[in-house]
């Protein structure tokens, strides 16, 4: 279904706002708006929601577990451990929270019959890189090493994220390989940020063709990158920008879904190509006529439905 005139006009209006508002000055107000909107959204009755914390050094990272009230989801085979999706939210490392993503996580859990664990990692600019990937790694470590969060078979755990969360999922997979404590068997990256440059100098054409009129602007991405970056050297760190990794071997089975009208489209697809060239099993799918963050829409939208189909097929393999 193509983007109609009304939708295109709405996207252009939001993009115009993003082009003319300095996120470096407005991020606190935008967070407050997100939090108010999340509080006004009722909790779904069909799910049991359990809040937990994971220790990272001397601080706690909140996580939210979504369980169906009718019992634990089933695994892929009789008697097997249930599926679990470890989810890292989007928001450009600056916005987003487990509260603002609760509705999406409920829909995700229902659509794929899985436990979903959402991580409330620390946000920039108060906590710059590498705070976010370290928080996400700590949550993954607790799950994969069965340290008390949930006793789920590691073979049935998939890490997943959208946008900046896709960046963090890719970073956690690289960290896991490098540190040797565990390795996720699968990862799902939705319109992920994988590069370190979203200016006019970017090698990716979608930064220019999709960077002004479709909800997310390349300027906003670049501004968020600057808020997230702790030092100039961070830009070359593969845990900051996965495309900077010289070696992408030993990575999980991967599903990457990009959006046709997203400025991050080309870098996400190129990351899939790099993973495949390094010998990994990769599926890359471009969602036609979709824009960035479309998974925040209702499950009745055709792009969201198709994404759930792709995720279910991927998890069943």
C-alpha atoms as a PDB file:
ATOM      1  CA  UNK A   1       0.000   0.000   0.000  1.00  0.00           C
ATOM      2  CA  UNK A   2       1.620   3.244  -1.148  1.00  0.00           C
ATOM      3  CA  UNK A   3       1.857   6.281   1.098  1.00  0.00           C
ATOM      4  CA  UNK A   4      -1.245   8.352   0.325  1.00  0.00           C
ATOM      5  CA  UNK A   5      -1.309  12.145   0.004  1.00  0.00           C
ATOM      6  CA  UNK A   6      -2.573  12.747   3.540  1.00  0.00           C
ATOM      7  CA  UNK A   7       0.089  10.510   5.056  1.00  0.00           C
ATOM      8  CA  UNK A   8       2.816  12.079   2.926  1.00  0.00           C
ATOM      9  CA  UNK A   9       1.728  15.554   4.046  1.00  0.00           C
ATOM     10  CA  UNK A  10       1.750  14.488   7.696  1.00  0.00           C
ATOM     11  CA  UNK A  11       5.219  12.958   7.368  1.00  0.00           C
ATOM     12  CA  UNK A  12       6.524  16.091   5.694  1.00  0.00           C
ATOM     13  CA  UNK A  13       5.097  18.255   8.489  1.00  0.00           C
ATOM     14  CA  UNK A  14       6.805  16.159  11.159  1.00  0.00           C
ATOM     15  CA  UNK A  15      10.028  16.182   9.156  1.00  0.00           C
ATOM     16  CA  UNK A  16       9.839  19.962   8.865  1.00  0.00           C
ATOM     17  CA  UNK A  17       9.509  20.146  12.651  1.00  0.00           C
ATOM     18  CA  UNK A  18      12.524  17.857  13.060  1.00  0.00           C
ATOM     19  CA  UNK A  19      14.564  19.954  10.620  1.00  0.00           C
ATOM     20  CA  UNK A  20      13.848  23.170  12.491  1.00  0.00           C
ATOM     21  CA  UNK A  21      13.941  21.984  16.109  1.00  0.00           C
ATOM     22  CA  UNK A  22      17.268  21.455  17.819  1.00  0.00           C
ATOM     23  CA  UNK A  23      17.071  18.111  19.649  1.00  0.00           C
ATOM     24  CA  UNK A  24      20.085  19.192  21.686  1.00  0.00           C
ATOM     25  CA  UNK A  25      17.826  21.820  23.295  1.00  0.00           C
ATOM     26  CA  UNK A  26      14.471  20.041  23.263  1.00  0.00           C
ATOM     27  CA  UNK A  27      15.253  16.439  24.272  1.00  0.00           C
ATOM     28  CA  UNK A  28      14.058  16.915  27.866  1.00  0.00           C
ATOM     29  CA  UNK A  29      10.712  18.320  26.727  1.00  0.00           C
ATOM     30  CA  UNK A  30      10.335  15.521  24.174  1.00  0.00           C
ATOM     31  CA  UNK A  31      11.006  12.933  26.881  1.00  0.00           C
ATOM     32  CA  UNK A  32       8.349  14.485  29.103  1.00  0.00           C
ATOM     33  CA  UNK A  33       5.834  14.363  26.273  1.00  0.00           C
ATOM     34  CA  UNK A  34       6.655  10.686  25.635  1.00  0.00           C
ATOM     35  CA  UNK A  35       6.278   9.842  29.315  1.00  0.00           C
ATOM     36  CA  UNK A  36       2.921  11.625  29.617  1.00  0.00           C
ATOM     37  CA  UNK A  37       1.635   9.853  26.499  1.00  0.00           C
ATOM     38  CA  UNK A  38       2.781   6.486  27.882  1.00  0.00           C
ATOM     39  CA  UNK A  39       1.016   7.067  31.221  1.00  0.00           C
ATOM     40  CA  UNK A  40      -2.237   7.892  29.435  1.00  0.00           C
ATOM     41  CA  UNK A  41      -2.118   4.609  27.525  1.00  0.00           C
ATOM     42  CA  UNK A  42      -3.864   1.800  29.483  1.00  0.00           C
ATOM     43  CA  UNK A  43      -1.975  -1.375  30.334  1.00  0.00           C
ATOM     44  CA  UNK A  44      -3.226  -4.345  28.284  1.00  0.00           C
ATOM     45  CA  UNK A  45      -5.250  -6.763  30.456  1.00  0.00           C
ATOM     46  CA  UNK A  46      -4.212  -9.895  28.571  1.00  0.00           C
ATOM     47  CA  UNK A  47      -0.576  -9.596  29.625  1.00  0.00           C
ATOM     48  CA  UNK A  48       1.195  -9.783  32.950  1.00  0.00           C
ATOM     49  CA  UNK A  49       3.935  -7.159  33.153  1.00  0.00           C
ATOM     50  CA  UNK A  50       6.798  -7.678  35.566  1.00  0.00           C
ATOM     51  CA  UNK A  51       9.442  -5.034  36.288  1.00  0.00           C
ATOM     52  CA  UNK A  52      12.913  -6.181  37.264  1.00  0.00           C
ATOM     53  CA  UNK A  53      16.410  -4.681  37.518  1.00  0.00           C
ATOM     54  CA  UNK A  54      19.831  -5.797  36.307  1.00  0.00           C
ATOM     55  CA  UNK A  55      22.973  -4.565  38.045  1.00  0.00           C
ATOM     56  CA  UNK A  56      25.637  -2.900  35.908  1.00  0.00           C
ATOM     57  CA  UNK A  57      28.532  -1.915  38.125  1.00  0.00           C
ATOM     58  CA  UNK A  58      27.033   0.209  40.897  1.00  0.00           C
ATOM     59  CA  UNK A  59      23.730   1.071  39.188  1.00  0.00           C
ATOM     60  CA  UNK A  60      20.510  -0.726  38.280  1.00  0.00           C
ATOM     61  CA  UNK A  61      19.090  -1.057  34.769  1.00  0.00           C
ATOM     62  CA  UNK A  62      15.292  -1.462  34.707  1.00  0.00           C
ATOM     63  CA  UNK A  63      13.874  -4.192  32.477  1.00  0.00           C
ATOM     64  CA  UNK A  64      10.243  -5.023  31.794  1.00  0.00           C
ATOM     65  CA  UNK A  65       9.071  -8.575  31.175  1.00  0.00           C
ATOM     66  CA  UNK A  66       5.882  -9.211  29.191  1.00  0.00           C
ATOM     67  CA  UNK A  67       4.160 -12.527  29.940  1.00  0.00           C
ATOM     68  CA  UNK A  68       0.726 -13.655  28.751  1.00  0.00           C
ATOM     69  CA  UNK A  69      -1.651 -14.179  31.675  1.00  0.00           C
ATOM     70  CA  UNK A  70      -2.650 -17.587  30.294  1.00  0.00           C
ATOM     71  CA  UNK A  71       0.821 -18.954  30.929  1.00  0.00           C
ATOM     72  CA  UNK A  72       4.268 -19.131  29.414  1.00  0.00           C
ATOM     73  CA  UNK A  73       4.528 -19.137  25.615  1.00  0.00           C
ATOM     74  CA  UNK A  74       5.519 -22.446  24.071  1.00  0.00           C
ATOM     75  CA  UNK A  75       8.793 -23.173  22.354  1.00  0.00           C
ATOM     76  CA  UNK A  76       9.351 -24.230  18.773  1.00  0.00           C
ATOM     77  CA  UNK A  77       9.002 -27.931  19.632  1.00  0.00           C
ATOM     78  CA  UNK A  78       6.998 -29.917  22.233  1.00  0.00           C
ATOM     79  CA  UNK A  79       8.453 -29.607  25.717  1.00  0.00           C
ATOM     80  CA  UNK A  80      11.007 -26.997  24.675  1.00  0.00           C
ATOM     81  CA  UNK A  81      11.781 -23.772  26.493  1.00  0.00           C
ATOM     82  CA  UNK A  82       9.667 -20.759  25.380  1.00  0.00           C
ATOM     83  CA  UNK A  83      10.847 -18.183  22.891  1.00  0.00           C
ATOM     84  CA  UNK A  84      12.227 -14.981  24.326  1.00  0.00           C
ATOM     85  CA  UNK A  85      12.926 -11.701  22.563  1.00  0.00           C
ATOM     86  CA  UNK A  86      15.364  -9.376  24.317  1.00  0.00           C
ATOM     87  CA  UNK A  87      14.274  -5.991  23.003  1.00  0.00           C
ATOM     88  CA  UNK A  88      16.228  -2.709  22.863  1.00  0.00           C
ATOM     89  CA  UNK A  89      14.043   0.309  22.084  1.00  0.00           C
ATOM     90  CA  UNK A  90      14.666   3.074  19.592  1.00  0.00           C
ATOM     91  CA  UNK A  91      14.804   6.815  20.140  1.00  0.00           C
ATOM     92  CA  UNK A  92      18.239   7.805  18.873  1.00  0.00           C
ATOM     93  CA  UNK A  93      19.957   6.837  22.158  1.00  0.00           C
ATOM     94  CA  UNK A  94      18.377  10.042  23.557  1.00  0.00           C
ATOM     95  CA  UNK A  95      14.631   9.353  23.669  1.00  0.00           C
ATOM     96  CA  UNK A  96      12.457   6.284  24.248  1.00  0.00           C
ATOM     97  CA  UNK A  97      11.878   4.114  27.326  1.00  0.00           C
ATOM     98  CA  UNK A  98      10.278   0.851  28.420  1.00  0.00           C
ATOM     99  CA  UNK A  99       7.147   2.915  29.139  1.00  0.00           C
ATOM    100  CA  UNK A 100       6.889   4.480  25.678  1.00  0.00           C
ATOM    101  CA  UNK A 101       7.512   1.065  24.083  1.00  0.00           C
ATOM    102  CA  UNK A 102       5.175  -0.964  26.298  1.00  0.00           C
ATOM    103  CA  UNK A 103       2.354  -1.067  23.744  1.00  0.00           C
ATOM    104  CA  UNK A 104       4.684  -2.152  20.938  1.00  0.00           C
ATOM    105  CA  UNK A 105       6.209  -4.862  23.138  1.00  0.00           C
ATOM    106  CA  UNK A 106       2.770  -6.217  24.023  1.00  0.00           C
ATOM    107  CA  UNK A 107       1.819  -6.398  20.355  1.00  0.00           C
ATOM    108  CA  UNK A 108       5.149  -8.048  19.568  1.00  0.00           C
ATOM    109  CA  UNK A 109       4.762 -10.654  22.318  1.00  0.00           C
ATOM    110  CA  UNK A 110       1.260 -11.512  21.128  1.00  0.00           C
ATOM    111  CA  UNK A 111       2.168 -11.624  17.444  1.00  0.00           C
ATOM    112  CA  UNK A 112       5.144 -13.986  17.829  1.00  0.00           C
ATOM    113  CA  UNK A 113       3.981 -15.945  20.923  1.00  0.00           C
ATOM    114  CA  UNK A 114       7.058 -15.059  22.910  1.00  0.00           C
ATOM    115  CA  UNK A 115       8.207 -13.596  26.184  1.00  0.00           C
ATOM    116  CA  UNK A 116       9.514 -10.084  25.542  1.00  0.00           C
ATOM    117  CA  UNK A 117      12.082  -8.466  27.818  1.00  0.00           C
ATOM    118  CA  UNK A 118      12.509  -4.721  27.208  1.00  0.00           C
ATOM    119  CA  UNK A 119      15.608  -2.907  28.505  1.00  0.00           C
ATOM    120  CA  UNK A 120      15.542   0.667  29.848  1.00  0.00           C
ATOM    121  CA  UNK A 121      19.180   1.463  29.094  1.00  0.00           C
ATOM    122  CA  UNK A 122      20.719   4.788  30.092  1.00  0.00           C
ATOM    123  CA  UNK A 123      20.174   7.654  27.665  1.00  0.00           C
ATOM    124  CA  UNK A 124      22.448  10.320  26.238  1.00  0.00           C
ATOM    125  CA  UNK A 125      23.497  13.046  26.680  1.00  0.00           C
ATOM    126  CA  UNK A 126      23.486  12.453  30.443  1.00  0.00           C
ATOM    127  CA  UNK A 127      25.073   9.042  29.828  1.00  0.00           C
ATOM    128  CA  UNK A 128      27.145   8.939  26.694  1.00  0.00           C
ATOM    129  CA  UNK A 129      28.602   5.965  24.833  1.00  0.00           C
ATOM    130  CA  UNK A 130      29.340   3.247  25.943  1.00  0.00           C
ATOM    131  CA  UNK A 131      26.692   3.381  28.723  1.00  0.00           C
ATOM    132  CA  UNK A 132      23.824   2.176  26.504  1.00  0.00           C
ATOM    133  CA  UNK A 133      25.524  -0.881  24.965  1.00  0.00           C
ATOM    134  CA  UNK A 134      27.008  -1.856  28.345  1.00  0.00           C
ATOM    135  CA  UNK A 135      23.527  -1.787  29.919  1.00  0.00           C
ATOM    136  CA  UNK A 136      22.111  -3.862  27.067  1.00  0.00           C
ATOM    137  CA  UNK A 137      25.003  -6.316  27.254  1.00  0.00           C
ATOM    138  CA  UNK A 138      24.443  -6.737  30.995  1.00  0.00           C
ATOM    139  CA  UNK A 139      20.779  -7.613  30.446  1.00  0.00           C
ATOM    140  CA  UNK A 140      21.737 -10.093  27.714  1.00  0.00           C
ATOM    141  CA  UNK A 141      24.430 -11.617  29.913  1.00  0.00           C
ATOM    142  CA  UNK A 142      21.969 -12.227  32.745  1.00  0.00           C
ATOM    143  CA  UNK A 143      19.570 -13.981  30.386  1.00  0.00           C
ATOM    144  CA  UNK A 144      22.092 -16.051  28.471  1.00  0.00           C
ATOM    145  CA  UNK A 145      24.027 -17.126  31.561  1.00  0.00           C
ATOM    146  CA  UNK A 146      20.778 -17.770  33.478  1.00  0.00           C
ATOM    147  CA  UNK A 147      21.712 -15.461  36.326  1.00  0.00           C
ATOM    148  CA  UNK A 148      18.212 -15.197  37.754  1.00  0.00           C
ATOM    149  CA  UNK A 149      16.089 -13.089  35.410  1.00  0.00           C
ATOM    150  CA  UNK A 150      14.355 -15.952  33.554  1.00  0.00           C
ATOM    151  CA  UNK A 151      15.376 -19.564  33.155  1.00  0.00           C
ATOM    152  CA  UNK A 152      14.950 -19.696  29.377  1.00  0.00           C
ATOM    153  CA  UNK A 153      17.106 -21.919  27.187  1.00  0.00           C
ATOM    154  CA  UNK A 154      19.700 -19.616  25.557  1.00  0.00           C
ATOM    155  CA  UNK A 155      19.050 -21.376  22.230  1.00  0.00           C
ATOM    156  CA  UNK A 156      15.583 -19.793  22.241  1.00  0.00           C
ATOM    157  CA  UNK A 157      16.701 -16.216  22.965  1.00  0.00           C
ATOM    158  CA  UNK A 158      16.792 -13.693  20.124  1.00  0.00           C
ATOM    159  CA  UNK A 159      18.067 -10.156  20.568  1.00  0.00           C
ATOM    160  CA  UNK A 160      16.153  -7.456  18.750  1.00  0.00           C
ATOM    161  CA  UNK A 161      15.919  -3.696  18.410  1.00  0.00           C
ATOM    162  CA  UNK A 162      14.533  -0.933  16.238  1.00  0.00           C
ATOM    163  CA  UNK A 163      16.502   2.072  14.974  1.00  0.00           C
ATOM    164  CA  UNK A 164      18.990   2.971  17.737  1.00  0.00           C
ATOM    165  CA  UNK A 165      17.873  -0.259  19.403  1.00  0.00           C
ATOM    166  CA  UNK A 166      18.885  -2.127  16.245  1.00  0.00           C
ATOM    167  CA  UNK A 167      22.286  -0.479  16.563  1.00  0.00           C
ATOM    168  CA  UNK A 168      22.483  -1.704  20.162  1.00  0.00           C
ATOM    169  CA  UNK A 169      21.434  -5.248  19.249  1.00  0.00           C
ATOM    170  CA  UNK A 170      24.194  -5.378  16.632  1.00  0.00           C
ATOM    171  CA  UNK A 171      26.661  -3.941  19.161  1.00  0.00           C
ATOM    172  CA  UNK A 172      25.713  -6.527  21.790  1.00  0.00           C
ATOM    173  CA  UNK A 173      26.286  -9.335  19.270  1.00  0.00           C
ATOM    174  CA  UNK A 174      29.748  -7.971  18.517  1.00  0.00           C
ATOM    175  CA  UNK A 175      30.512  -7.531  22.223  1.00  0.00           C
ATOM    176  CA  UNK A 176      29.352 -11.078  22.949  1.00  0.00           C
ATOM    177  CA  UNK A 177      31.653 -12.516  20.292  1.00  0.00           C
ATOM    178  CA  UNK A 178      34.608 -10.444  21.481  1.00  0.00           C
ATOM    179  CA  UNK A 179      34.135 -11.147  25.198  1.00  0.00           C
ATOM    180  CA  UNK A 180      33.397 -14.830  24.773  1.00  0.00           C
ATOM    181  CA  UNK A 181      30.836 -15.201  27.578  1.00  0.00           C
ATOM    182  CA  UNK A 182      27.882 -16.107  25.343  1.00  0.00           C
ATOM    183  CA  UNK A 183      26.706 -15.692  21.769  1.00  0.00           C
ATOM    184  CA  UNK A 184      23.119 -14.962  20.756  1.00  0.00           C
ATOM    185  CA  UNK A 185      21.873 -17.515  18.219  1.00  0.00           C
ATOM    186  CA  UNK A 186      19.823 -14.903  16.349  1.00  0.00           C
ATOM    187  CA  UNK A 187      19.294 -11.165  16.029  1.00  0.00           C
ATOM    188  CA  UNK A 188      16.549  -9.051  14.445  1.00  0.00           C
ATOM    189  CA  UNK A 189      17.429  -5.496  13.401  1.00  0.00           C
ATOM    190  CA  UNK A 190      14.586  -3.189  12.386  1.00  0.00           C
ATOM    191  CA  UNK A 191      15.689  -0.177  10.311  1.00  0.00           C
ATOM    192  CA  UNK A 192      18.958  -0.099  12.297  1.00  0.00           C
ATOM    193  CA  UNK A 193      21.508   2.706  12.550  1.00  0.00           C
ATOM    194  CA  UNK A 194      24.860   1.125  11.693  1.00  0.00           C
ATOM    195  CA  UNK A 195      27.014   4.010  10.399  1.00  0.00           C
ATOM    196  CA  UNK A 196      28.742   6.933  12.099  1.00  0.00           C
ATOM    197  CA  UNK A 197      28.060   9.717   9.583  1.00  0.00           C
ATOM    198  CA  UNK A 198      24.589  10.926   8.596  1.00  0.00           C
ATOM    199  CA  UNK A 199      25.654  14.266   7.129  1.00  0.00           C
ATOM    200  CA  UNK A 200      25.722  15.231   3.461  1.00  0.00           C
ATOM    201  CA  UNK A 201      29.096  13.423   3.311  1.00  0.00           C
ATOM    202  CA  UNK A 202      27.514  10.041   3.996  1.00  0.00           C
ATOM    203  CA  UNK A 203      28.263   7.354   1.390  1.00  0.00           C
ATOM    204  CA  UNK A 204      24.623   6.193   1.626  1.00  0.00           C
ATOM    205  CA  UNK A 205      22.210   7.716  -0.862  1.00  0.00           C
ATOM    206  CA  UNK A 206      19.137   7.194   1.352  1.00  0.00           C
ATOM    207  CA  UNK A 207      20.538   9.794   3.770  1.00  0.00           C
ATOM    208  CA  UNK A 208      20.007  12.367   1.019  1.00  0.00           C
ATOM    209  CA  UNK A 209      16.906  11.035  -0.764  1.00  0.00           C
ATOM    210  CA  UNK A 210      14.990  10.202   2.433  1.00  0.00           C
ATOM    211  CA  UNK A 211      16.597  12.634   4.835  1.00  0.00           C
ATOM    212  CA  UNK A 212      14.187  15.585   4.630  1.00  0.00           C
ATOM    213  CA  UNK A 213      10.565  14.624   3.943  1.00  0.00           C
ATOM    214  CA  UNK A 214       9.828  11.335   5.737  1.00  0.00           C
ATOM    215  CA  UNK A 215       9.392  11.689   9.495  1.00  0.00           C
ATOM    216  CA  UNK A 216      12.988  11.051  10.558  1.00  0.00           C
ATOM    217  CA  UNK A 217      15.501  13.481   9.095  1.00  0.00           C
ATOM    218  CA  UNK A 218      19.198  12.912   8.529  1.00  0.00           C
ATOM    219  CA  UNK A 219      19.866  16.126  10.498  1.00  0.00           C
ATOM    220  CA  UNK A 220      18.051  14.729  13.532  1.00  0.00           C
ATOM    221  CA  UNK A 221      20.002  11.470  13.313  1.00  0.00           C
ATOM    222  CA  UNK A 222      23.283  13.351  13.101  1.00  0.00           C
ATOM    223  CA  UNK A 223      22.342  15.579  16.050  1.00  0.00           C
ATOM    224  CA  UNK A 224      21.488  12.521  18.141  1.00  0.00           C
ATOM    225  CA  UNK A 225      24.785  10.891  17.163  1.00  0.00           C
ATOM    226  CA  UNK A 226      26.572  13.969  18.496  1.00  0.00           C
ATOM    227  CA  UNK A 227      24.633  13.797  21.782  1.00  0.00           C
ATOM    228  CA  UNK A 228      25.463  10.096  22.109  1.00  0.00           C
ATOM    229  CA  UNK A 229      29.151  10.369  21.255  1.00  0.00           C
ATOM    230  CA  UNK A 230      31.495  10.670  24.225  1.00  0.00           C
ATOM    231  CA  UNK A 231      34.613  11.564  22.223  1.00  0.00           C
ATOM    232  CA  UNK A 232      35.639  11.832  18.541  1.00  0.00           C
ATOM    233  CA  UNK A 233      37.286   8.407  18.806  1.00  0.00           C
ATOM    234  CA  UNK A 234      33.923   6.773  19.527  1.00  0.00           C
ATOM    235  CA  UNK A 235      32.887   7.182  15.888  1.00  0.00           C
ATOM    236  CA  UNK A 236      35.400   4.485  14.890  1.00  0.00           C
ATOM    237  CA  UNK A 237      34.303   2.049  17.602  1.00  0.00           C
ATOM    238  CA  UNK A 238      32.272  -0.877  16.172  1.00  0.00           C
ATOM    239  CA  UNK A 239      30.102  -0.921  19.304  1.00  0.00           C
ATOM    240  CA  UNK A 240      29.150   2.673  18.419  1.00  0.00           C
ATOM    241  CA  UNK A 241      28.838   2.145  14.655  1.00  0.00           C
ATOM    242  CA  UNK A 242      28.804  -1.577  13.736  1.00  0.00           C
ATOM    243  CA  UNK A 243      29.859  -0.868  10.154  1.00  0.00           C
ATOM    244  CA  UNK A 244      33.231   0.208  11.569  1.00  0.00           C
ATOM    245  CA  UNK A 245      33.983  -3.403  12.557  1.00  0.00           C
ATOM    246  CA  UNK A 246      36.854  -4.773  10.499  1.00  0.00           C
ATOM    247  CA  UNK A 247      35.764  -8.329  11.246  1.00  0.00           C
ATOM    248  CA  UNK A 248      32.076  -9.279  11.187  1.00  0.00           C
ATOM    249  CA  UNK A 249      32.550 -13.028  11.345  1.00  0.00           C
ATOM    250  CA  UNK A 250      30.994 -15.157  14.067  1.00  0.00           C
ATOM    251  CA  UNK A 251      27.740 -13.220  14.205  1.00  0.00           C
ATOM    252  CA  UNK A 252      24.255 -14.603  14.884  1.00  0.00           C
ATOM    253  CA  UNK A 253      21.758 -15.625  12.248  1.00  0.00           C
ATOM    254  CA  UNK A 254      20.333 -12.237  11.281  1.00  0.00           C
ATOM    255  CA  UNK A 255      17.107 -10.720   9.979  1.00  0.00           C
ATOM    256  CA  UNK A 256      17.343  -7.072   8.879  1.00  0.00           C
ATOM    257  CA  UNK A 257      14.185  -5.199   7.874  1.00  0.00           C
ATOM    258  CA  UNK A 258      14.573  -1.725   6.420  1.00  0.00           C
ATOM    259  CA  UNK A 259      11.957   0.821   5.326  1.00  0.00           C
ATOM    260  CA  UNK A 260      11.846   2.210   1.798  1.00  0.00           C
ATOM    261  CA  UNK A 261      11.481   5.850   2.881  1.00  0.00           C
ATOM    262  CA  UNK A 262      13.898   5.746   5.828  1.00  0.00           C
ATOM    263  CA  UNK A 263      17.211   7.643   5.777  1.00  0.00           C
ATOM    264  CA  UNK A 264      18.845   4.626   7.498  1.00  0.00           C
ATOM    265  CA  UNK A 265      17.737   2.218   4.758  1.00  0.00           C
ATOM    266  CA  UNK A 266      20.979   1.882   2.819  1.00  0.00           C
ATOM    267  CA  UNK A 267      23.301   1.534   5.799  1.00  0.00           C
ATOM    268  CA  UNK A 268      21.099  -1.190   7.279  1.00  0.00           C
ATOM    269  CA  UNK A 269      21.110  -3.118   4.016  1.00  0.00           C
ATOM    270  CA  UNK A 270      24.852  -2.625   3.603  1.00  0.00           C
ATOM    271  CA  UNK A 271      25.390  -4.024   7.099  1.00  0.00           C
ATOM    272  CA  UNK A 272      23.502  -7.125   5.988  1.00  0.00           C
ATOM    273  CA  UNK A 273      25.770  -7.405   2.937  1.00  0.00           C
ATOM    274  CA  UNK A 274      28.870  -7.078   5.116  1.00  0.00           C
ATOM    275  CA  UNK A 275      27.574  -9.757   7.504  1.00  0.00           C
ATOM    276  CA  UNK A 276      26.895 -12.109   4.596  1.00  0.00           C
ATOM    277  CA  UNK A 277      30.339 -11.494   3.087  1.00  0.00           C
ATOM    278  CA  UNK A 278      31.821 -12.432   6.479  1.00  0.00           C
ATOM    279  CA  UNK A 279      30.153 -15.833   6.301  1.00  0.00           C
ATOM    280  CA  UNK A 280      27.040 -15.238   8.402  1.00  0.00           C
ATOM    281  CA  UNK A 281      23.481 -16.317   7.594  1.00  0.00           C
ATOM    282  CA  UNK A 282      21.539 -13.145   6.784  1.00  0.00           C
ATOM    283  CA  UNK A 283      18.103 -12.205   5.472  1.00  0.00           C
ATOM    284  CA  UNK A 284      17.515  -8.598   4.376  1.00  0.00           C
ATOM    285  CA  UNK A 285      14.041  -7.344   3.519  1.00  0.00           C
ATOM    286  CA  UNK A 286      13.087  -3.826   2.385  1.00  0.00           C
ATOM    287  CA  UNK A 287       9.545  -2.895   3.456  1.00  0.00           C
ATOM    288  CA  UNK A 288       8.058  -1.207   0.401  1.00  0.00           C
ATOM    289  CA  UNK A 289       6.311   2.158   0.962  1.00  0.00           C
ATOM    290  CA  UNK A 290       7.209   2.129   4.675  1.00  0.00           C
ATOM    291  CA  UNK A 291       8.835   4.917   6.677  1.00  0.00           C
ATOM    292  CA  UNK A 292      11.028   4.961   9.741  1.00  0.00           C
ATOM    293  CA  UNK A 293       9.480   3.757  13.026  1.00  0.00           C
ATOM    294  CA  UNK A 294       6.423   2.253  11.314  1.00  0.00           C
ATOM    295  CA  UNK A 295       6.391  -0.532  13.932  1.00  0.00           C
ATOM    296  CA  UNK A 296       4.982   1.973  16.428  1.00  0.00           C
ATOM    297  CA  UNK A 297       1.738   1.879  14.442  1.00  0.00           C
ATOM    298  CA  UNK A 298      -1.195  -0.412  15.185  1.00  0.00           C
ATOM    299  CA  UNK A 299      -0.806  -4.106  14.268  1.00  0.00           C
ATOM    300  CA  UNK A 300      -3.638  -3.678  11.759  1.00  0.00           C
ATOM    301  CA  UNK A 301      -1.327  -1.721   9.412  1.00  0.00           C
ATOM    302  CA  UNK A 302      -0.130  -3.817   6.493  1.00  0.00           C
ATOM    303  CA  UNK A 303       3.576  -3.108   7.069  1.00  0.00           C
ATOM    304  CA  UNK A 304       3.349  -4.121  10.726  1.00  0.00           C
ATOM    305  CA  UNK A 305       1.478  -7.320   9.835  1.00  0.00           C
ATOM    306  CA  UNK A 306       4.062  -8.194   7.196  1.00  0.00           C
ATOM    307  CA  UNK A 307       6.887  -7.576   9.656  1.00  0.00           C
ATOM    308  CA  UNK A 308       5.328  -9.975  12.172  1.00  0.00           C
ATOM    309  CA  UNK A 309       5.065 -12.575   9.403  1.00  0.00           C
ATOM    310  CA  UNK A 310       8.746 -12.144   8.557  1.00  0.00           C
ATOM    311  CA  UNK A 311       9.748 -12.382  12.226  1.00  0.00           C
ATOM    312  CA  UNK A 312       7.653 -15.517  12.779  1.00  0.00           C
ATOM    313  CA  UNK A 313       9.127 -17.187   9.687  1.00  0.00           C
ATOM    314  CA  UNK A 314      12.640 -16.267  10.800  1.00  0.00           C
ATOM    315  CA  UNK A 315      12.134 -17.586  14.348  1.00  0.00           C
ATOM    316  CA  UNK A 316      10.643 -20.841  13.054  1.00  0.00           C
ATOM    317  CA  UNK A 317      13.736 -21.690  10.988  1.00  0.00           C
END
